[in-house]
């Protein structure tokens, strides 16, 4: 039951991220902050869900989720933080996706599709950095994060 809830949560959050950039004009800081916020929500829920059988993985998820929660709220509500992080903020979500992909590889190594969840995070994180370097379009960049969440949710549902 927990796995299905987490899978559906990942799919719903991914769809929200994919759809959100198309709703209107929002600052890059808010889009990146929202994307990181949704990833942090997923990590916090996943960390709580796996604490029974994978304490080290749960602790990593929870710590990363809390760090990302504070970072995302800072990006959304504090324009000075965005100005401070302006040079690296474009790459921040890509780096976070790579880190989350590595954590997913560690946490899901016993799952049938766990390897693919981690690899998709790493590949999409690298793609995010490459696309961010040349395109810098928040709609495309937000869509990549949403795509990872949808892939993760679908693979977790298939995995059972």
N, C-alpha and C. Protein backbone atom coordinates (compact mmCIF):
# COMPACT_ATOMS: atom_id res chain seq x y z
N UNK A 1 0.82 -1.19 0.00
CA UNK A 1 0.00 0.00 0.00
C UNK A 1 0.86 1.26 0.00
N UNK A 2 1.95 1.26 0.82
CA UNK A 2 2.84 2.41 0.86
C UNK A 2 3.48 2.65 -0.50
N UNK A 3 3.92 1.57 -1.14
CA UNK A 3 4.60 1.72 -2.43
C UNK A 3 3.67 2.29 -3.49
N UNK A 4 2.41 1.85 -3.49
CA UNK A 4 1.47 2.39 -4.47
C UNK A 4 1.20 3.86 -4.21
N UNK A 5 1.09 4.23 -2.93
CA UNK A 5 0.87 5.64 -2.58
C UNK A 5 2.06 6.48 -3.04
N UNK A 6 3.27 6.01 -2.75
CA UNK A 6 4.47 6.75 -3.14
C UNK A 6 4.57 6.83 -4.67
N UNK A 7 4.24 5.74 -5.34
CA UNK A 7 4.28 5.74 -6.80
C UNK A 7 3.29 6.73 -7.38
N UNK A 8 2.07 6.71 -6.87
CA UNK A 8 1.06 7.66 -7.35
C UNK A 8 1.44 9.09 -6.99
N UNK A 9 2.03 9.30 -5.82
CA UNK A 9 2.48 10.63 -5.43
C UNK A 9 3.54 11.14 -6.41
N UNK A 10 4.49 10.29 -6.76
CA UNK A 10 5.53 10.68 -7.71
C UNK A 10 4.92 11.03 -9.07
N UNK A 11 3.97 10.24 -9.53
CA UNK A 11 3.33 10.51 -10.82
C UNK A 11 2.56 11.83 -10.77
N UNK A 12 1.79 12.04 -9.70
CA UNK A 12 1.00 13.27 -9.57
C UNK A 12 1.91 14.49 -9.49
N UNK A 13 2.95 14.42 -8.66
CA UNK A 13 3.87 15.55 -8.54
C UNK A 13 4.60 15.80 -9.86
N UNK A 14 4.96 14.73 -10.56
CA UNK A 14 5.60 14.88 -11.86
C UNK A 14 4.69 15.55 -12.87
N UNK A 15 3.43 15.17 -12.89
CA UNK A 15 2.47 15.79 -13.81
C UNK A 15 2.27 17.26 -13.45
N UNK A 16 2.23 17.57 -12.15
CA UNK A 16 2.11 18.97 -11.73
C UNK A 16 3.30 19.77 -12.23
N UNK A 17 4.50 19.22 -12.09
CA UNK A 17 5.69 19.94 -12.55
C UNK A 17 5.66 20.11 -14.06
N UNK A 18 5.26 19.07 -14.78
CA UNK A 18 5.20 19.17 -16.24
C UNK A 18 4.16 20.20 -16.67
N UNK A 19 3.02 20.24 -16.00
CA UNK A 19 1.94 21.16 -16.36
C UNK A 19 2.18 22.58 -15.85
N UNK A 20 2.81 22.73 -14.71
CA UNK A 20 2.93 24.04 -14.07
C UNK A 20 3.63 25.09 -14.92
N UNK A 21 4.74 24.77 -15.58
CA UNK A 21 5.40 25.82 -16.37
C UNK A 21 4.53 26.36 -17.50
N UNK A 22 3.51 25.63 -17.90
CA UNK A 22 2.66 26.06 -19.00
C UNK A 22 1.48 26.91 -18.54
N UNK A 23 1.30 27.07 -17.26
CA UNK A 23 0.16 27.82 -16.74
C UNK A 23 0.35 29.32 -16.94
N UNK A 24 1.50 29.84 -16.70
CA UNK A 24 1.70 31.27 -16.83
C UNK A 24 3.16 31.63 -16.69
N UNK A 25 3.39 32.91 -16.59
CA UNK A 25 4.75 33.39 -16.48
C UNK A 25 5.12 33.49 -15.00
N UNK A 26 6.06 32.66 -14.60
CA UNK A 26 6.55 32.64 -13.23
C UNK A 26 8.07 32.79 -13.32
N UNK A 27 8.64 33.42 -12.37
CA UNK A 27 10.09 33.61 -12.37
C UNK A 27 10.84 32.30 -12.30
N UNK A 28 12.01 32.31 -12.84
CA UNK A 28 12.85 31.11 -12.83
C UNK A 28 13.10 30.63 -11.41
N UNK A 29 13.28 31.55 -10.50
CA UNK A 29 13.53 31.19 -9.11
C UNK A 29 12.36 30.39 -8.54
N UNK A 30 11.15 30.83 -8.80
CA UNK A 30 9.97 30.13 -8.29
C UNK A 30 9.80 28.77 -8.94
N UNK A 31 10.09 28.68 -10.24
CA UNK A 31 9.96 27.39 -10.93
C UNK A 31 10.97 26.38 -10.41
N UNK A 32 12.21 26.80 -10.27
CA UNK A 32 13.22 25.89 -9.74
C UNK A 32 12.89 25.55 -8.29
N UNK A 33 12.47 26.58 -7.51
CA UNK A 33 12.10 26.35 -6.12
C UNK A 33 10.94 25.37 -6.00
N UNK A 34 9.93 25.50 -6.87
CA UNK A 34 8.80 24.58 -6.85
C UNK A 34 9.22 23.17 -7.23
N UNK A 35 10.07 23.06 -8.24
CA UNK A 35 10.55 21.74 -8.65
C UNK A 35 11.30 21.06 -7.51
N UNK A 36 12.18 21.80 -6.85
CA UNK A 36 12.94 21.24 -5.75
C UNK A 36 12.02 20.94 -4.57
N UNK A 37 11.00 21.77 -4.36
CA UNK A 37 10.03 21.52 -3.29
C UNK A 37 9.30 20.20 -3.51
N UNK A 38 8.88 19.94 -4.74
CA UNK A 38 8.16 18.69 -5.02
C UNK A 38 9.08 17.48 -4.89
N UNK A 39 10.34 17.63 -5.27
CA UNK A 39 11.30 16.54 -5.06
C UNK A 39 11.49 16.30 -3.57
N UNK A 40 11.56 17.39 -2.78
CA UNK A 40 11.75 17.23 -1.33
C UNK A 40 10.55 16.56 -0.69
N UNK A 41 9.35 16.87 -1.15
CA UNK A 41 8.15 16.21 -0.62
C UNK A 41 8.22 14.71 -0.91
N UNK A 42 8.61 14.36 -2.13
CA UNK A 42 8.73 12.95 -2.49
C UNK A 42 9.78 12.26 -1.62
N UNK A 43 10.93 12.89 -1.43
CA UNK A 43 11.99 12.27 -0.63
C UNK A 43 11.57 12.11 0.83
N UNK A 44 10.88 13.09 1.38
CA UNK A 44 10.43 12.99 2.77
C UNK A 44 9.42 11.84 2.93
N UNK A 45 8.48 11.75 2.00
CA UNK A 45 7.49 10.67 2.08
C UNK A 45 8.16 9.31 1.86
N UNK A 46 9.06 9.24 0.89
CA UNK A 46 9.76 7.97 0.62
C UNK A 46 10.63 7.59 1.80
N UNK A 47 11.29 8.55 2.43
CA UNK A 47 12.12 8.26 3.60
C UNK A 47 11.33 7.69 4.75
N UNK A 48 10.14 8.25 4.98
CA UNK A 48 9.28 7.73 6.05
C UNK A 48 8.77 6.33 5.68
N UNK A 49 8.48 6.12 4.40
CA UNK A 49 7.92 4.84 3.98
C UNK A 49 8.92 3.69 4.07
N UNK A 50 10.20 3.97 3.84
CA UNK A 50 11.18 2.88 3.81
C UNK A 50 11.93 2.72 5.12
N UNK A 51 11.58 3.50 6.12
CA UNK A 51 12.33 3.46 7.38
C UNK A 51 12.27 2.10 8.06
N UNK A 52 11.20 1.32 7.79
CA UNK A 52 11.05 0.01 8.42
C UNK A 52 12.10 -1.00 7.95
N UNK A 53 12.49 -0.93 6.69
CA UNK A 53 13.37 -1.96 6.16
C UNK A 53 14.70 -1.43 5.60
N UNK A 54 14.88 -0.11 5.54
CA UNK A 54 16.12 0.46 5.02
C UNK A 54 16.43 1.75 5.77
N UNK A 55 16.94 1.61 6.98
CA UNK A 55 17.16 2.77 7.84
C UNK A 55 18.18 3.74 7.26
N UNK A 56 19.27 3.24 6.71
CA UNK A 56 20.29 4.15 6.16
C UNK A 56 19.74 4.90 4.95
N UNK A 57 19.04 4.20 4.09
CA UNK A 57 18.42 4.86 2.94
C UNK A 57 17.37 5.87 3.36
N UNK A 58 16.59 5.54 4.39
CA UNK A 58 15.57 6.45 4.89
C UNK A 58 16.20 7.71 5.47
N UNK A 59 17.28 7.54 6.20
CA UNK A 59 17.97 8.70 6.79
C UNK A 59 18.51 9.61 5.69
N UNK A 60 19.09 9.01 4.66
CA UNK A 60 19.60 9.80 3.52
C UNK A 60 18.45 10.56 2.87
N UNK A 61 17.34 9.86 2.59
CA UNK A 61 16.17 10.51 1.98
C UNK A 61 15.65 11.65 2.85
N UNK A 62 15.53 11.41 4.15
CA UNK A 62 14.99 12.42 5.05
C UNK A 62 15.92 13.64 5.15
N UNK A 63 17.21 13.41 5.29
CA UNK A 63 18.15 14.54 5.38
C UNK A 63 18.15 15.34 4.09
N UNK A 64 18.22 14.64 2.95
CA UNK A 64 18.20 15.33 1.66
C UNK A 64 16.87 16.05 1.46
N UNK A 65 15.77 15.42 1.86
CA UNK A 65 14.46 16.05 1.75
C UNK A 65 14.36 17.32 2.58
N UNK A 66 14.89 17.31 3.78
CA UNK A 66 14.85 18.50 4.65
C UNK A 66 15.72 19.61 4.08
N UNK A 67 16.93 19.26 3.63
CA UNK A 67 17.81 20.27 3.02
C UNK A 67 17.14 20.90 1.80
N UNK A 68 16.56 20.05 0.95
CA UNK A 68 15.91 20.56 -0.25
C UNK A 68 14.66 21.36 0.08
N UNK A 69 13.97 21.00 1.15
CA UNK A 69 12.79 21.75 1.57
C UNK A 69 13.18 23.19 1.92
N UNK A 70 14.21 23.35 2.74
CA UNK A 70 14.66 24.69 3.11
C UNK A 70 15.18 25.46 1.90
N UNK A 71 15.94 24.79 1.05
CA UNK A 71 16.46 25.44 -0.14
C UNK A 71 15.33 25.89 -1.06
N UNK A 72 14.33 25.03 -1.26
CA UNK A 72 13.23 25.39 -2.15
C UNK A 72 12.42 26.56 -1.60
N UNK A 73 12.15 26.54 -0.30
CA UNK A 73 11.41 27.66 0.30
C UNK A 73 12.20 28.96 0.20
N UNK A 74 13.52 28.86 0.37
CA UNK A 74 14.35 30.05 0.21
C UNK A 74 14.30 30.59 -1.21
N UNK A 75 14.34 29.69 -2.20
CA UNK A 75 14.28 30.12 -3.59
C UNK A 75 12.92 30.72 -3.94
N UNK A 76 11.87 30.18 -3.37
CA UNK A 76 10.52 30.67 -3.68
C UNK A 76 10.27 32.03 -3.02
N UNK A 77 10.65 32.18 -1.76
CA UNK A 77 10.23 33.35 -0.99
C UNK A 77 11.31 34.40 -0.77
N UNK A 78 12.55 34.14 -1.10
CA UNK A 78 13.61 35.10 -0.84
C UNK A 78 14.36 35.42 -2.13
N UNK A 79 14.01 36.52 -2.77
CA UNK A 79 14.68 36.87 -4.03
C UNK A 79 16.19 37.11 -3.85
N UNK A 80 16.61 37.51 -2.66
CA UNK A 80 18.04 37.72 -2.43
C UNK A 80 18.82 36.41 -2.52
N UNK A 81 18.21 35.31 -2.06
CA UNK A 81 18.88 34.02 -2.17
C UNK A 81 19.04 33.64 -3.64
N UNK A 82 18.02 33.92 -4.44
CA UNK A 82 18.13 33.62 -5.86
C UNK A 82 19.24 34.44 -6.51
N UNK A 83 19.33 35.71 -6.13
CA UNK A 83 20.39 36.54 -6.68
C UNK A 83 21.76 35.97 -6.29
N UNK A 84 21.86 35.49 -5.07
CA UNK A 84 23.11 34.90 -4.60
C UNK A 84 23.44 33.61 -5.36
N UNK A 85 22.42 32.83 -5.64
CA UNK A 85 22.61 31.55 -6.31
C UNK A 85 22.41 31.63 -7.82
N UNK A 86 22.31 32.85 -8.37
CA UNK A 86 21.96 33.00 -9.79
C UNK A 86 22.91 32.25 -10.72
N UNK A 87 24.17 32.28 -10.41
CA UNK A 87 25.14 31.61 -11.28
C UNK A 87 25.01 30.09 -11.24
N UNK A 88 24.67 29.55 -10.08
CA UNK A 88 24.62 28.09 -9.99
C UNK A 88 23.20 27.55 -9.94
N UNK A 89 22.20 28.43 -9.83
CA UNK A 89 20.82 27.94 -9.68
C UNK A 89 20.34 27.14 -10.88
N UNK A 90 20.84 27.49 -12.04
CA UNK A 90 20.45 26.77 -13.24
C UNK A 90 20.89 25.31 -13.17
N UNK A 91 22.04 25.09 -12.55
CA UNK A 91 22.61 23.74 -12.45
C UNK A 91 22.17 23.01 -11.18
N UNK A 92 21.59 23.76 -10.26
CA UNK A 92 21.26 23.20 -8.96
C UNK A 92 20.28 22.03 -9.06
N UNK A 93 19.21 22.21 -9.81
CA UNK A 93 18.22 21.14 -9.94
C UNK A 93 18.82 19.92 -10.66
N UNK A 94 19.68 20.15 -11.62
CA UNK A 94 20.35 19.03 -12.30
C UNK A 94 21.25 18.26 -11.36
N UNK A 95 22.00 18.99 -10.53
CA UNK A 95 22.86 18.35 -9.54
C UNK A 95 22.02 17.58 -8.54
N UNK A 96 20.90 18.18 -8.11
CA UNK A 96 20.00 17.51 -7.17
C UNK A 96 19.44 16.23 -7.79
N UNK A 97 19.05 16.29 -9.06
CA UNK A 97 18.53 15.09 -9.73
C UNK A 97 19.59 13.99 -9.79
N UNK A 98 20.83 14.36 -10.04
CA UNK A 98 21.91 13.37 -10.07
C UNK A 98 22.08 12.74 -8.69
N UNK A 99 22.09 13.57 -7.64
CA UNK A 99 22.23 13.06 -6.28
C UNK A 99 21.06 12.14 -5.93
N UNK A 100 19.84 12.57 -6.27
CA UNK A 100 18.66 11.75 -5.99
C UNK A 100 18.72 10.45 -6.77
N UNK A 101 19.25 10.49 -8.00
CA UNK A 101 19.41 9.27 -8.79
C UNK A 101 20.37 8.29 -8.13
N UNK A 102 21.48 8.80 -7.59
CA UNK A 102 22.45 7.94 -6.90
C UNK A 102 21.81 7.35 -5.64
N UNK A 103 21.07 8.20 -4.90
CA UNK A 103 20.39 7.71 -3.69
C UNK A 103 19.36 6.64 -4.08
N UNK A 104 18.65 6.85 -5.18
CA UNK A 104 17.67 5.86 -5.64
C UNK A 104 18.36 4.55 -6.01
N UNK A 105 19.56 4.62 -6.59
CA UNK A 105 20.31 3.40 -6.89
C UNK A 105 20.62 2.63 -5.61
N UNK A 106 21.01 3.34 -4.57
CA UNK A 106 21.34 2.70 -3.30
C UNK A 106 20.09 2.16 -2.62
N UNK A 107 19.03 2.94 -2.58
CA UNK A 107 17.82 2.55 -1.85
C UNK A 107 17.00 1.47 -2.55
N UNK A 108 17.07 1.42 -3.85
CA UNK A 108 16.20 0.51 -4.61
C UNK A 108 16.97 -0.64 -5.26
N UNK A 109 18.13 -0.96 -4.74
CA UNK A 109 18.93 -2.00 -5.40
C UNK A 109 18.28 -3.38 -5.35
N UNK A 110 17.34 -3.59 -4.44
CA UNK A 110 16.67 -4.88 -4.36
C UNK A 110 15.39 -4.92 -5.19
N UNK A 111 14.93 -3.76 -5.63
CA UNK A 111 13.72 -3.71 -6.44
C UNK A 111 14.06 -4.11 -7.88
N UNK A 112 13.07 -4.63 -8.57
CA UNK A 112 13.29 -5.10 -9.94
C UNK A 112 13.69 -3.95 -10.88
N UNK A 113 13.05 -2.77 -10.71
CA UNK A 113 13.35 -1.64 -11.58
C UNK A 113 14.09 -0.54 -10.85
N UNK A 114 14.61 -0.81 -9.66
CA UNK A 114 15.32 0.19 -8.87
C UNK A 114 16.53 0.77 -9.59
N UNK A 115 17.23 -0.08 -10.30
CA UNK A 115 18.40 0.37 -11.05
C UNK A 115 18.00 1.43 -12.08
N UNK A 116 16.89 1.18 -12.77
CA UNK A 116 16.45 2.10 -13.82
C UNK A 116 15.96 3.42 -13.25
N UNK A 117 15.37 3.39 -12.04
CA UNK A 117 14.93 4.63 -11.38
C UNK A 117 16.16 5.50 -11.10
N UNK A 118 17.20 4.90 -10.55
CA UNK A 118 18.42 5.64 -10.26
C UNK A 118 19.11 6.14 -11.51
N UNK A 119 19.22 5.28 -12.50
CA UNK A 119 19.88 5.66 -13.74
C UNK A 119 19.10 6.78 -14.45
N UNK A 120 17.76 6.71 -14.42
CA UNK A 120 16.97 7.77 -15.06
C UNK A 120 17.21 9.10 -14.36
N UNK A 121 17.35 9.10 -13.04
CA UNK A 121 17.64 10.33 -12.32
C UNK A 121 18.99 10.91 -12.71
N UNK A 122 19.99 10.03 -12.82
CA UNK A 122 21.33 10.49 -13.19
C UNK A 122 21.34 11.03 -14.63
N UNK A 123 20.73 10.29 -15.55
CA UNK A 123 20.70 10.71 -16.96
C UNK A 123 19.93 12.02 -17.11
N UNK A 124 18.74 12.11 -16.48
CA UNK A 124 17.96 13.34 -16.61
C UNK A 124 18.64 14.50 -15.91
N UNK A 125 19.37 14.25 -14.83
CA UNK A 125 20.14 15.31 -14.18
C UNK A 125 21.24 15.84 -15.09
N UNK A 126 21.96 14.93 -15.74
CA UNK A 126 22.99 15.36 -16.69
C UNK A 126 22.37 16.09 -17.87
N UNK A 127 21.25 15.57 -18.36
CA UNK A 127 20.54 16.23 -19.46
C UNK A 127 20.06 17.61 -19.05
N UNK A 128 19.60 17.74 -17.81
CA UNK A 128 19.16 19.02 -17.26
C UNK A 128 20.30 20.04 -17.30
N UNK A 129 21.48 19.61 -16.89
CA UNK A 129 22.64 20.52 -16.88
C UNK A 129 23.03 20.90 -18.30
N UNK A 130 23.03 19.93 -19.21
CA UNK A 130 23.39 20.21 -20.60
C UNK A 130 22.37 21.13 -21.24
N UNK A 131 21.08 20.81 -21.10
CA UNK A 131 20.02 21.64 -21.68
C UNK A 131 20.03 23.02 -21.02
N UNK A 132 20.23 23.06 -19.71
CA UNK A 132 20.27 24.33 -19.00
C UNK A 132 21.40 25.22 -19.46
N UNK A 133 22.49 24.62 -19.86
CA UNK A 133 23.64 25.40 -20.34
C UNK A 133 23.33 26.07 -21.67
N UNK A 134 22.63 25.38 -22.54
CA UNK A 134 22.42 25.90 -23.89
C UNK A 134 21.03 26.51 -24.11
N UNK A 135 20.03 26.06 -23.36
CA UNK A 135 18.67 26.53 -23.60
C UNK A 135 18.20 27.47 -22.51
N UNK A 136 18.36 27.09 -21.26
CA UNK A 136 17.97 27.89 -20.08
C UNK A 136 16.49 28.24 -20.09
N UNK A 137 15.65 27.39 -20.65
CA UNK A 137 14.21 27.61 -20.65
C UNK A 137 13.60 26.88 -19.46
N UNK A 138 12.98 27.63 -18.52
CA UNK A 138 12.46 26.97 -17.31
C UNK A 138 11.34 25.96 -17.61
N UNK A 139 10.65 26.12 -18.71
CA UNK A 139 9.58 25.16 -19.05
C UNK A 139 10.20 23.80 -19.36
N UNK A 140 11.24 23.79 -20.17
CA UNK A 140 11.91 22.53 -20.52
C UNK A 140 12.57 21.93 -19.29
N UNK A 141 13.23 22.76 -18.50
CA UNK A 141 13.95 22.28 -17.33
C UNK A 141 12.98 21.71 -16.28
N UNK A 142 11.86 22.39 -16.05
CA UNK A 142 10.85 21.87 -15.12
C UNK A 142 10.25 20.57 -15.62
N UNK A 143 10.08 20.47 -16.94
CA UNK A 143 9.52 19.26 -17.53
C UNK A 143 10.45 18.07 -17.31
N UNK A 144 11.75 18.27 -17.35
CA UNK A 144 12.70 17.17 -17.13
C UNK A 144 12.55 16.61 -15.71
N UNK A 145 12.37 17.48 -14.72
CA UNK A 145 12.18 17.01 -13.35
C UNK A 145 10.85 16.27 -13.24
N UNK A 146 9.80 16.81 -13.84
CA UNK A 146 8.51 16.13 -13.84
C UNK A 146 8.59 14.78 -14.51
N UNK A 147 9.34 14.70 -15.58
CA UNK A 147 9.51 13.44 -16.30
C UNK A 147 10.17 12.39 -15.41
N UNK A 148 11.17 12.80 -14.63
CA UNK A 148 11.83 11.84 -13.72
C UNK A 148 10.84 11.34 -12.68
N UNK A 149 10.03 12.23 -12.12
CA UNK A 149 9.05 11.79 -11.11
C UNK A 149 8.02 10.83 -11.71
N UNK A 150 7.57 11.10 -12.93
CA UNK A 150 6.60 10.21 -13.58
C UNK A 150 7.25 8.85 -13.86
N UNK A 151 8.47 8.84 -14.39
CA UNK A 151 9.18 7.58 -14.66
C UNK A 151 9.34 6.79 -13.37
N UNK A 152 9.75 7.47 -12.30
CA UNK A 152 9.92 6.82 -11.01
C UNK A 152 8.62 6.20 -10.52
N UNK A 153 7.53 6.96 -10.60
CA UNK A 153 6.23 6.46 -10.16
C UNK A 153 5.77 5.27 -10.96
N UNK A 154 5.89 5.32 -12.27
CA UNK A 154 5.46 4.22 -13.14
C UNK A 154 6.30 2.97 -12.86
N UNK A 155 7.62 3.12 -12.75
CA UNK A 155 8.47 1.95 -12.49
C UNK A 155 8.19 1.35 -11.12
N UNK A 156 7.88 2.19 -10.13
CA UNK A 156 7.56 1.65 -8.81
C UNK A 156 6.22 0.90 -8.82
N UNK A 157 5.25 1.38 -9.62
CA UNK A 157 3.98 0.66 -9.73
C UNK A 157 4.20 -0.67 -10.44
N UNK A 158 4.97 -0.68 -11.51
CA UNK A 158 5.25 -1.92 -12.23
C UNK A 158 6.00 -2.91 -11.32
N UNK A 159 6.92 -2.37 -10.51
CA UNK A 159 7.71 -3.20 -9.63
C UNK A 159 6.85 -3.88 -8.56
N UNK A 160 5.75 -3.25 -8.26
CA UNK A 160 4.83 -3.87 -7.29
C UNK A 160 5.22 -3.53 -5.93
